[in-house]
Amino acid sequence: MDAFNDPLLALKSFKQNEYDLLLLDIVMPKMDGYELYERLKEIDSNVKVCFITASEMHRKELRKERQCDLDRDLFLQMPLPIKRIVEEISRRIDSSSP
């Protein structure tokens, strides 16, 4: 497991076929979560991503802008208890397995 506070460093460190699921905040400095997602998909088209946000406004705006690209299940609205986050992540990983 890797964690980054800087999306540019995350992008630079990303390796194809290394991760089961990425958790990306939508609002980040230097690059938003969707732009990071697009850049990561260029490296690994099979990467699975879950967006997290504390802002309903950002979640709705992103979904509206990218409604044809993004499934609503890719979003976790914060705050959530850690147990619920783990359950949701496990569900996403399990559902995306071949």
PDB file of N, CA and C in Angstrom:
ATOM      1  N   MET A   1       0.850  -1.182   0.000  1.00  0.00           N
ATOM      2  CA  MET A   1       0.000   0.000   0.000  1.00  0.00           C
ATOM      3  C   MET A   1       0.888   1.233   0.000  1.00  0.00           C
ATOM      4  N   ASP A   2       0.546   2.172  -0.844  1.00  0.00           N
ATOM      5  CA  ASP A   2       1.249   3.446  -0.925  1.00  0.00           C
ATOM      6  C   ASP A   2       0.255   4.566  -0.653  1.00  0.00           C
ATOM      7  N   ALA A   3       0.740   5.648  -0.092  1.00  0.00           N
ATOM      8  CA  ALA A   3      -0.096   6.822   0.155  1.00  0.00           C
ATOM      9  C   ALA A   3       0.691   8.063  -0.242  1.00  0.00           C
ATOM     10  N   PHE A   4      -0.006   8.984  -0.898  1.00  0.00           N
ATOM     11  CA  PHE A   4       0.626  10.211  -1.363  1.00  0.00           C
ATOM     12  C   PHE A   4      -0.255  11.399  -1.030  1.00  0.00           C
ATOM     13  N   ASN A   5       0.369  12.491  -0.629  1.00  0.00           N
ATOM     14  CA  ASN A   5      -0.339  13.757  -0.430  1.00  0.00           C
ATOM     15  C   ASN A   5      -0.257  14.634  -1.666  1.00  0.00           C
ATOM     16  N   ASP A   6       0.618  14.283  -2.572  1.00  0.00           N
ATOM     17  CA  ASP A   6       0.870  15.074  -3.764  1.00  0.00           C
ATOM     18  C   ASP A   6       0.476  14.243  -4.988  1.00  0.00           C
ATOM     19  N   PRO A   7      -0.538  14.668  -5.754  1.00  0.00           N
ATOM     20  CA  PRO A   7      -0.964  13.883  -6.908  1.00  0.00           C
ATOM     21  C   PRO A   7       0.122  13.742  -7.979  1.00  0.00           C
ATOM     22  N   LEU A   8       0.995  14.730  -8.108  1.00  0.00           N
ATOM     23  CA  LEU A   8       2.072  14.633  -9.092  1.00  0.00           C
ATOM     24  C   LEU A   8       3.072  13.550  -8.701  1.00  0.00           C
ATOM     25  N   LEU A   9       3.361  13.440  -7.413  1.00  0.00           N
ATOM     26  CA  LEU A   9       4.242  12.375  -6.931  1.00  0.00           C
ATOM     27  C   LEU A   9       3.564  11.011  -7.085  1.00  0.00           C
ATOM     28  N   ALA A  10       2.263  10.960  -6.833  1.00  0.00           N
ATOM     29  CA  ALA A  10       1.518   9.709  -7.024  1.00  0.00           C
ATOM     30  C   ALA A  10       1.593   9.269  -8.483  1.00  0.00           C
ATOM     31  N   LEU A  11       1.411  10.194  -9.384  1.00  0.00           N
ATOM     32  CA  LEU A  11       1.479   9.897 -10.820  1.00  0.00           C
ATOM     33  C   LEU A  11       2.875   9.414 -11.205  1.00  0.00           C
ATOM     34  N   LYS A  12       3.877  10.088 -10.713  1.00  0.00           N
ATOM     35  CA  LYS A  12       5.261   9.727 -11.028  1.00  0.00           C
ATOM     36  C   LYS A  12       5.609   8.333 -10.491  1.00  0.00           C
ATOM     37  N   SER A  13       5.050   7.957  -9.350  1.00  0.00           N
ATOM     38  CA  SER A  13       5.366   6.683  -8.700  1.00  0.00           C
ATOM     39  C   SER A  13       4.486   5.526  -9.156  1.00  0.00           C
ATOM     40  N   PHE A  14       3.434   5.815  -9.889  1.00  0.00           N
ATOM     41  CA  PHE A  14       2.458   4.796 -10.285  1.00  0.00           C
ATOM     42  C   PHE A  14       3.075   3.754 -11.221  1.00  0.00           C
ATOM     43  N   LYS A  15       2.765   2.493 -10.942  1.00  0.00           N
ATOM     44  CA  LYS A  15       3.242   1.390 -11.772  1.00  0.00           C
ATOM     45  C   LYS A  15       2.052   0.544 -12.228  1.00  0.00           C
ATOM     46  N   GLN A  16       2.070   0.176 -13.483  1.00  0.00           N
ATOM     47  CA  GLN A  16       1.005  -0.640 -14.070  1.00  0.00           C
ATOM     48  C   GLN A  16       0.889  -1.969 -13.335  1.00  0.00           C
ATOM     49  N   ASN A  17      -0.351  -2.441 -13.141  1.00  0.00           N
ATOM     50  CA  ASN A  17      -0.673  -3.729 -12.528  1.00  0.00           C
ATOM     51  C   ASN A  17      -0.161  -3.875 -11.100  1.00  0.00           C
ATOM     52  N   GLU A  18       0.026  -2.766 -10.397  1.00  0.00           N
ATOM     53  CA  GLU A  18       0.570  -2.792  -9.042  1.00  0.00           C
ATOM     54  C   GLU A  18      -0.523  -2.743  -7.971  1.00  0.00           C
ATOM     55  N   TYR A  19      -1.704  -2.202  -8.307  1.00  0.00           N
ATOM     56  CA  TYR A  19      -2.724  -1.917  -7.291  1.00  0.00           C
ATOM     57  C   TYR A  19      -4.067  -2.555  -7.643  1.00  0.00           C
ATOM     58  N   ASP A  20      -4.768  -3.020  -6.609  1.00  0.00           N
ATOM     59  CA  ASP A  20      -6.121  -3.543  -6.794  1.00  0.00           C
ATOM     60  C   ASP A  20      -7.131  -2.411  -6.934  1.00  0.00           C
ATOM     61  N   LEU A  21      -6.920  -1.344  -6.171  1.00  0.00           N
ATOM     62  CA  LEU A  21      -7.867  -0.228  -6.168  1.00  0.00           C
ATOM     63  C   LEU A  21      -7.144   1.025  -5.692  1.00  0.00           C
ATOM     64  N   LEU A  22      -7.435   2.145  -6.331  1.00  0.00           N
ATOM     65  CA  LEU A  22      -6.887   3.430  -5.911  1.00  0.00           C
ATOM     66  C   LEU A  22      -7.999   4.258  -5.286  1.00  0.00           C
ATOM     67  N   LEU A  23      -7.702   4.914  -4.184  1.00  0.00           N
ATOM     68  CA  LEU A  23      -8.622   5.859  -3.562  1.00  0.00           C
ATOM     69  C   LEU A  23      -8.111   7.251  -3.884  1.00  0.00           C
ATOM     70  N   LEU A  24      -8.922   8.029  -4.569  1.00  0.00           N
ATOM     71  CA  LEU A  24      -8.519   9.370  -4.976  1.00  0.00           C
ATOM     72  C   LEU A  24      -9.496  10.395  -4.428  1.00  0.00           C
ATOM     73  N   ASP A  25      -8.953  11.392  -3.749  1.00  0.00           N
ATOM     74  CA  ASP A  25      -9.781  12.525  -3.352  1.00  0.00           C
ATOM     75  C   ASP A  25     -10.072  13.334  -4.601  1.00  0.00           C
ATOM     76  N   ILE A  26     -11.214  13.942  -4.675  1.00  0.00           N
ATOM     77  CA  ILE A  26     -11.556  14.747  -5.835  1.00  0.00           C
ATOM     78  C   ILE A  26     -10.826  16.095  -5.784  1.00  0.00           C
ATOM     79  N   VAL A  27     -10.791  16.701  -4.617  1.00  0.00           N
ATOM     80  CA  VAL A  27     -10.174  18.015  -4.471  1.00  0.00           C
ATOM     81  C   VAL A  27      -8.762  17.837  -3.927  1.00  0.00           C
ATOM     82  N   MET A  28      -7.779  18.163  -4.779  1.00  0.00           N
ATOM     83  CA  MET A  28      -6.374  18.073  -4.396  1.00  0.00           C
ATOM     84  C   MET A  28      -5.642  19.261  -4.991  1.00  0.00           C
ATOM     85  N   PRO A  29      -4.494  19.627  -4.412  1.00  0.00           N
ATOM     86  CA  PRO A  29      -3.710  20.715  -5.003  1.00  0.00           C
ATOM     87  C   PRO A  29      -3.015  20.249  -6.283  1.00  0.00           C
ATOM     88  N   LYS A  30      -2.750  21.157  -7.169  1.00  0.00           N
ATOM     89  CA  LYS A  30      -1.998  20.931  -8.412  1.00  0.00           C
ATOM     90  C   LYS A  30      -2.778  20.180  -9.488  1.00  0.00           C
ATOM     91  N   MET A  31      -3.636  19.234  -9.096  1.00  0.00           N
ATOM     92  CA  MET A  31      -4.362  18.406 -10.050  1.00  0.00           C
ATOM     93  C   MET A  31      -5.568  17.805  -9.320  1.00  0.00           C
ATOM     94  N   ASP A  32      -6.761  17.868  -9.907  1.00  0.00           N
ATOM     95  CA  ASP A  32      -7.907  17.261  -9.227  1.00  0.00           C
ATOM     96  C   ASP A  32      -7.903  15.746  -9.415  1.00  0.00           C
ATOM     97  N   GLY A  33      -8.712  15.075  -8.647  1.00  0.00           N
ATOM     98  CA  GLY A  33      -8.748  13.617  -8.678  1.00  0.00           C
ATOM     99  C   GLY A  33      -9.137  13.039 -10.020  1.00  0.00           C
ATOM    100  N   TYR A  34     -10.032  13.735 -10.739  1.00  0.00           N
ATOM    101  CA  TYR A  34     -10.426  13.200 -12.040  1.00  0.00           C
ATOM    102  C   TYR A  34      -9.288  13.309 -13.047  1.00  0.00           C
ATOM    103  N   GLU A  35      -8.556  14.418 -13.026  1.00  0.00           N
ATOM    104  CA  GLU A  35      -7.418  14.549 -13.940  1.00  0.00           C
ATOM    105  C   GLU A  35      -6.355  13.487 -13.629  1.00  0.00           C
ATOM    106  N   LEU A  36      -6.106  13.256 -12.338  1.00  0.00           N
ATOM    107  CA  LEU A  36      -5.156  12.209 -11.961  1.00  0.00           C
ATOM    108  C   LEU A  36      -5.641  10.859 -12.465  1.00  0.00           C
ATOM    109  N   TYR A  37      -6.926  10.581 -12.319  1.00  0.00           N
ATOM    110  CA  TYR A  37      -7.524   9.338 -12.811  1.00  0.00           C
ATOM    111  C   TYR A  37      -7.279   9.167 -14.316  1.00  0.00           C
ATOM    112  N   GLU A  38      -7.524  10.231 -15.080  1.00  0.00           N
ATOM    113  CA  GLU A  38      -7.327  10.164 -16.528  1.00  0.00           C
ATOM    114  C   GLU A  38      -5.868   9.863 -16.872  1.00  0.00           C
ATOM    115  N   ARG A  39      -4.963  10.488 -16.164  1.00  0.00           N
ATOM    116  CA  ARG A  39      -3.528  10.279 -16.434  1.00  0.00           C
ATOM    117  C   ARG A  39      -3.098   8.874 -16.035  1.00  0.00           C
ATOM    118  N   LEU A  40      -3.639   8.361 -14.933  1.00  0.00           N
ATOM    119  CA  LEU A  40      -3.315   7.001 -14.494  1.00  0.00           C
ATOM    120  C   LEU A  40      -3.871   5.969 -15.477  1.00  0.00           C
ATOM    121  N   LYS A  41      -5.055   6.236 -16.018  1.00  0.00           N
ATOM    122  CA  LYS A  41      -5.659   5.323 -16.995  1.00  0.00           C
ATOM    123  C   LYS A  41      -4.817   5.234 -18.269  1.00  0.00           C
ATOM    124  N   GLU A  42      -4.072   6.276 -18.592  1.00  0.00           N
ATOM    125  CA  GLU A  42      -3.173   6.227 -19.745  1.00  0.00           C
ATOM    126  C   GLU A  42      -2.032   5.232 -19.501  1.00  0.00           C
ATOM    127  N   ILE A  43      -1.644   5.078 -18.246  1.00  0.00           N
ATOM    128  CA  ILE A  43      -0.573   4.150 -17.880  1.00  0.00           C
ATOM    129  C   ILE A  43      -1.115   2.732 -17.748  1.00  0.00           C
ATOM    130  N   ASP A  44      -2.283   2.611 -17.105  1.00  0.00           N
ATOM    131  CA  ASP A  44      -2.897   1.301 -16.869  1.00  0.00           C
ATOM    132  C   ASP A  44      -4.397   1.420 -17.089  1.00  0.00           C
ATOM    133  N   SER A  45      -4.865   1.007 -18.239  1.00  0.00           N
ATOM    134  CA  SER A  45      -6.283   1.160 -18.581  1.00  0.00           C
ATOM    135  C   SER A  45      -7.208   0.307 -17.719  1.00  0.00           C
ATOM    136  N   ASN A  46      -6.656  -0.650 -16.999  1.00  0.00           N
ATOM    137  CA  ASN A  46      -7.476  -1.522 -16.153  1.00  0.00           C
ATOM    138  C   ASN A  46      -7.525  -1.090 -14.697  1.00  0.00           C
ATOM    139  N   VAL A  47      -6.894   0.022 -14.366  1.00  0.00           N
ATOM    140  CA  VAL A  47      -6.845   0.448 -12.974  1.00  0.00           C
ATOM    141  C   VAL A  47      -8.266   0.731 -12.457  1.00  0.00           C
ATOM    142  N   LYS A  48      -8.530   0.298 -11.236  1.00  0.00           N
ATOM    143  CA  LYS A  48      -9.822   0.533 -10.581  1.00  0.00           C
ATOM    144  C   LYS A  48      -9.658   1.693  -9.613  1.00  0.00           C
ATOM    145  N   VAL A  49     -10.611   2.616  -9.641  1.00  0.00           N
ATOM    146  CA  VAL A  49     -10.520   3.812  -8.832  1.00  0.00           C
ATOM    147  C   VAL A  49     -11.806   4.041  -8.073  1.00  0.00           C
ATOM    148  N   CYS A  50     -11.664   4.522  -6.865  1.00  0.00           N
ATOM    149  CA  CYS A  50     -12.793   4.945  -6.056  1.00  0.00           C
ATOM    150  C   CYS A  50     -12.515   6.383  -5.628  1.00  0.00           C
ATOM    151  N   PHE A  51     -13.392   7.298  -6.002  1.00  0.00           N
ATOM    152  CA  PHE A  51     -13.243   8.691  -5.605  1.00  0.00           C
ATOM    153  C   PHE A  51     -13.846   8.888  -4.225  1.00  0.00           C
ATOM    154  N   ILE A  52     -13.167   9.683  -3.416  1.00  0.00           N
ATOM    155  CA  ILE A  52     -13.707  10.038  -2.109  1.00  0.00           C
ATOM    156  C   ILE A  52     -13.817  11.555  -2.047  1.00  0.00           C
ATOM    157  N   THR A  53     -14.837  12.016  -1.378  1.00  0.00           N
ATOM    158  CA  THR A  53     -15.016  13.456  -1.226  1.00  0.00           C
ATOM    159  C   THR A  53     -15.863  13.745   0.001  1.00  0.00           C
ATOM    160  N   ALA A  54     -15.563  14.846   0.635  1.00  0.00           N
ATOM    161  CA  ALA A  54     -16.380  15.308   1.752  1.00  0.00           C
ATOM    162  C   ALA A  54     -17.424  16.300   1.254  1.00  0.00           C
ATOM    163  N   SER A  55     -17.343  16.669   0.002  1.00  0.00           N
ATOM    164  CA  SER A  55     -18.221  17.693  -0.551  1.00  0.00           C
ATOM    165  C   SER A  55     -19.235  17.090  -1.506  1.00  0.00           C
ATOM    166  N   GLU A  56     -20.477  17.174  -1.165  1.00  0.00           N
ATOM    167  CA  GLU A  56     -21.538  16.717  -2.058  1.00  0.00           C
ATOM    168  C   GLU A  56     -21.536  17.542  -3.343  1.00  0.00           C
ATOM    169  N   MET A  57     -21.195  18.818  -3.236  1.00  0.00           N
ATOM    170  CA  MET A  57     -21.171  19.684  -4.396  1.00  0.00           C
ATOM    171  C   MET A  57     -20.152  19.181  -5.423  1.00  0.00           C
ATOM    172  N   HIS A  58     -18.941  18.867  -4.981  1.00  0.00           N
ATOM    173  CA  HIS A  58     -17.921  18.393  -5.905  1.00  0.00           C
ATOM    174  C   HIS A  58     -18.333  17.065  -6.520  1.00  0.00           C
ATOM    175  N   ARG A  59     -18.909  16.212  -5.733  1.00  0.00           N
ATOM    176  CA  ARG A  59     -19.350  14.903  -6.225  1.00  0.00           C
ATOM    177  C   ARG A  59     -20.399  15.074  -7.320  1.00  0.00           C
ATOM    178  N   LYS A  60     -21.377  15.937  -7.083  1.00  0.00           N
ATOM    179  CA  LYS A  60     -22.428  16.166  -8.067  1.00  0.00           C
ATOM    180  C   LYS A  60     -21.887  16.820  -9.329  1.00  0.00           C
ATOM    181  N   GLU A  61     -20.990  17.797  -9.171  1.00  0.00           N
ATOM    182  CA  GLU A  61     -20.415  18.470 -10.333  1.00  0.00           C
ATOM    183  C   GLU A  61     -19.616  17.499 -11.185  1.00  0.00           C
ATOM    184  N   LEU A  62     -18.792  16.686 -10.539  1.00  0.00           N
ATOM    185  CA  LEU A  62     -17.976  15.738 -11.279  1.00  0.00           C
ATOM    186  C   LEU A  62     -18.855  14.733 -11.999  1.00  0.00           C
ATOM    187  N   ARG A  63     -19.863  14.237 -11.334  1.00  0.00           N
ATOM    188  CA  ARG A  63     -20.765  13.272 -11.950  1.00  0.00           C
ATOM    189  C   ARG A  63     -21.511  13.903 -13.124  1.00  0.00           C
ATOM    190  N   LYS A  64     -21.918  15.144 -12.970  1.00  0.00           N
ATOM    191  CA  LYS A  64     -22.634  15.834 -14.042  1.00  0.00           C
ATOM    192  C   LYS A  64     -21.724  16.037 -15.253  1.00  0.00           C
ATOM    193  N   GLU A  65     -20.478  16.459 -15.011  1.00  0.00           N
ATOM    194  CA  GLU A  65     -19.531  16.689 -16.103  1.00  0.00           C
ATOM    195  C   GLU A  65     -19.160  15.395 -16.814  1.00  0.00           C
ATOM    196  N   ARG A  66     -19.043  14.310 -16.079  1.00  0.00           N
ATOM    197  CA  ARG A  66     -18.520  13.062 -16.627  1.00  0.00           C
ATOM    198  C   ARG A  66     -19.539  11.929 -16.558  1.00  0.00           C
ATOM    199  N   GLN A  67     -20.811  12.248 -16.618  1.00  0.00           N
ATOM    200  CA  GLN A  67     -21.836  11.233 -16.388  1.00  0.00           C
ATOM    201  C   GLN A  67     -21.727  10.029 -17.315  1.00  0.00           C
ATOM    202  N   CYS A  68     -21.252  10.220 -18.505  1.00  0.00           N
ATOM    203  CA  CYS A  68     -21.135   9.084 -19.406  1.00  0.00           C
ATOM    204  C   CYS A  68     -19.914   8.230 -19.094  1.00  0.00           C
ATOM    205  N   ASP A  69     -18.951   8.760 -18.333  1.00  0.00           N
ATOM    206  CA  ASP A  69     -17.715   8.044 -18.040  1.00  0.00           C
ATOM    207  C   ASP A  69     -17.702   7.362 -16.675  1.00  0.00           C
ATOM    208  N   LEU A  70     -18.448   7.906 -15.739  1.00  0.00           N
ATOM    209  CA  LEU A  70     -18.300   7.457 -14.354  1.00  0.00           C
ATOM    210  C   LEU A  70     -19.567   6.810 -13.818  1.00  0.00           C
ATOM    211  N   ASP A  71     -19.382   5.716 -13.159  1.00  0.00           N
ATOM    212  CA  ASP A  71     -20.457   5.000 -12.491  1.00  0.00           C
ATOM    213  C   ASP A  71     -20.619   5.577 -11.088  1.00  0.00           C
ATOM    214  N   ARG A  72     -21.836   5.680 -10.609  1.00  0.00           N
ATOM    215  CA  ARG A  72     -22.041   6.270  -9.281  1.00  0.00           C
ATOM    216  C   ARG A  72     -21.377   5.469  -8.170  1.00  0.00           C
ATOM    217  N   ASP A  73     -21.131   4.201  -8.395  1.00  0.00           N
ATOM    218  CA  ASP A  73     -20.487   3.390  -7.374  1.00  0.00           C
ATOM    219  C   ASP A  73     -19.005   3.702  -7.200  1.00  0.00           C
ATOM    220  N   LEU A  74     -18.477   4.586  -7.998  1.00  0.00           N
ATOM    221  CA  LEU A  74     -17.075   4.965  -7.867  1.00  0.00           C
ATOM    222  C   LEU A  74     -16.858   6.033  -6.803  1.00  0.00           C
ATOM    223  N   PHE A  75     -17.919   6.461  -6.141  1.00  0.00           N
ATOM    224  CA  PHE A  75     -17.813   7.552  -5.184  1.00  0.00           C
ATOM    225  C   PHE A  75     -18.128   7.107  -3.766  1.00  0.00           C
ATOM    226  N   LEU A  76     -17.329   7.575  -2.818  1.00  0.00           N
ATOM    227  CA  LEU A  76     -17.628   7.422  -1.402  1.00  0.00           C
ATOM    228  C   LEU A  76     -17.776   8.819  -0.817  1.00  0.00           C
ATOM    229  N   GLN A  77     -18.921   9.078  -0.235  1.00  0.00           N
ATOM    230  CA  GLN A  77     -19.180  10.375   0.389  1.00  0.00           C
ATOM    231  C   GLN A  77     -18.699  10.328   1.834  1.00  0.00           C
ATOM    232  N   MET A  78     -17.757  11.200   2.170  1.00  0.00           N
ATOM    233  CA  MET A  78     -17.217  11.264   3.516  1.00  0.00           C
ATOM    234  C   MET A  78     -18.039  12.253   4.331  1.00  0.00           C
ATOM    235  N   PRO A  79     -18.052  12.166   5.633  1.00  0.00           N
ATOM    236  CA  PRO A  79     -17.326  11.185   6.443  1.00  0.00           C
ATOM    237  C   PRO A  79     -18.073   9.865   6.531  1.00  0.00           C
ATOM    238  N   LEU A  80     -17.319   8.812   6.620  1.00  0.00           N
ATOM    239  CA  LEU A  80     -17.851   7.468   6.829  1.00  0.00           C
ATOM    240  C   LEU A  80     -17.047   6.803   7.935  1.00  0.00           C
ATOM    241  N   PRO A  81     -17.691   5.956   8.731  1.00  0.00           N
ATOM    242  CA  PRO A  81     -16.926   5.191   9.720  1.00  0.00           C
ATOM    243  C   PRO A  81     -15.925   4.278   9.001  1.00  0.00           C
ATOM    244  N   ILE A  82     -14.780   4.058   9.592  1.00  0.00           N
ATOM    245  CA  ILE A  82     -13.732   3.258   8.961  1.00  0.00           C
ATOM    246  C   ILE A  82     -14.240   1.869   8.571  1.00  0.00           C
ATOM    247  N   LYS A  83     -15.091   1.272   9.377  1.00  0.00           N
ATOM    248  CA  LYS A  83     -15.635  -0.051   9.059  1.00  0.00           C
ATOM    249  C   LYS A  83     -16.400  -0.015   7.730  1.00  0.00           C
ATOM    250  N   ARG A  84     -17.172   1.023   7.535  1.00  0.00           N
ATOM    251  CA  ARG A  84     -17.950   1.166   6.290  1.00  0.00           C
ATOM    252  C   ARG A  84     -17.033   1.379   5.092  1.00  0.00           C
ATOM    253  N   ILE A  85     -15.970   2.155   5.272  1.00  0.00           N
ATOM    254  CA  ILE A  85     -15.008   2.383   4.190  1.00  0.00           C
ATOM    255  C   ILE A  85     -14.376   1.064   3.773  1.00  0.00           C
ATOM    256  N   VAL A  86     -13.955   0.271   4.761  1.00  0.00           N
ATOM    257  CA  VAL A  86     -13.338  -1.027   4.476  1.00  0.00           C
ATOM    258  C   VAL A  86     -14.329  -1.936   3.756  1.00  0.00           C
ATOM    259  N   GLU A  87     -15.583  -1.950   4.193  1.00  0.00           N
ATOM    260  CA  GLU A  87     -16.609  -2.773   3.544  1.00  0.00           C
ATOM    261  C   GLU A  87     -16.810  -2.353   2.086  1.00  0.00           C
ATOM    262  N   GLU A  88     -16.890  -1.056   1.841  1.00  0.00           N
ATOM    263  CA  GLU A  88     -17.101  -0.561   0.484  1.00  0.00           C
ATOM    264  C   GLU A  88     -15.905  -0.875  -0.416  1.00  0.00           C
ATOM    265  N   ILE A  89     -14.719  -0.699   0.103  1.00  0.00           N
ATOM    266  CA  ILE A  89     -13.518  -1.008  -0.679  1.00  0.00           C
ATOM    267  C   ILE A  89     -13.472  -2.491  -0.992  1.00  0.00           C
ATOM    268  N   SER A  90     -13.744  -3.332  -0.025  1.00  0.00           N
ATOM    269  CA  SER A  90     -13.757  -4.777  -0.247  1.00  0.00           C
ATOM    270  C   SER A  90     -14.788  -5.163  -1.299  1.00  0.00           C
ATOM    271  N   ARG A  91     -15.950  -4.544  -1.222  1.00  0.00           N
ATOM    272  CA  ARG A  91     -17.008  -4.828  -2.204  1.00  0.00           C
ATOM    273  C   ARG A  91     -16.554  -4.460  -3.613  1.00  0.00           C
ATOM    274  N   ARG A  92     -15.925  -3.321  -3.754  1.00  0.00           N
ATOM    275  CA  ARG A  92     -15.461  -2.880  -5.069  1.00  0.00           C
ATOM    276  C   ARG A  92     -14.373  -3.793  -5.624  1.00  0.00           C
ATOM    277  N   ILE A  93     -13.460  -4.196  -4.766  1.00  0.00           N
ATOM    278  CA  ILE A  93     -12.402  -5.098  -5.221  1.00  0.00           C
ATOM    279  C   ILE A  93     -12.999  -6.444  -5.607  1.00  0.00           C
ATOM    280  N   ASP A  94     -13.893  -6.976  -4.790  1.00  0.00           N
ATOM    281  CA  ASP A  94     -14.521  -8.258  -5.083  1.00  0.00           C
ATOM    282  C   ASP A  94     -15.346  -8.213  -6.371  1.00  0.00           C
ATOM    283  N   SER A  95     -16.064  -7.118  -6.582  1.00  0.00           N
ATOM    284  CA  SER A  95     -16.915  -7.026  -7.765  1.00  0.00           C
ATOM    285  C   SER A  95     -16.129  -6.810  -9.044  1.00  0.00           C
ATOM    286  N   SER A  96     -14.911  -6.362  -8.923  1.00  0.00           N
ATOM    287  CA  SER A  96     -14.115  -6.113 -10.121  1.00  0.00           C
ATOM    288  C   SER A  96     -13.176  -7.276 -10.446  1.00  0.00           C
ATOM    289  N   SER A  97     -13.165  -8.296  -9.619  1.00  0.00           N
ATOM    290  CA  SER A  97     -12.308  -9.440  -9.887  1.00  0.00           C
ATOM    291  C   SER A  97     -12.904 -10.286 -11.002  1.00  0.00           C
ATOM    292  N   PRO A  98     -12.042 -10.879 -11.844  1.00  0.00           N
ATOM    293  CA  PRO A  98     -12.547 -11.708 -12.952  1.00  0.00           C
ATOM    294  C   PRO A  98     -13.216 -12.981 -12.459  1.00  0.00           C
TER     295      PRO A  98
END
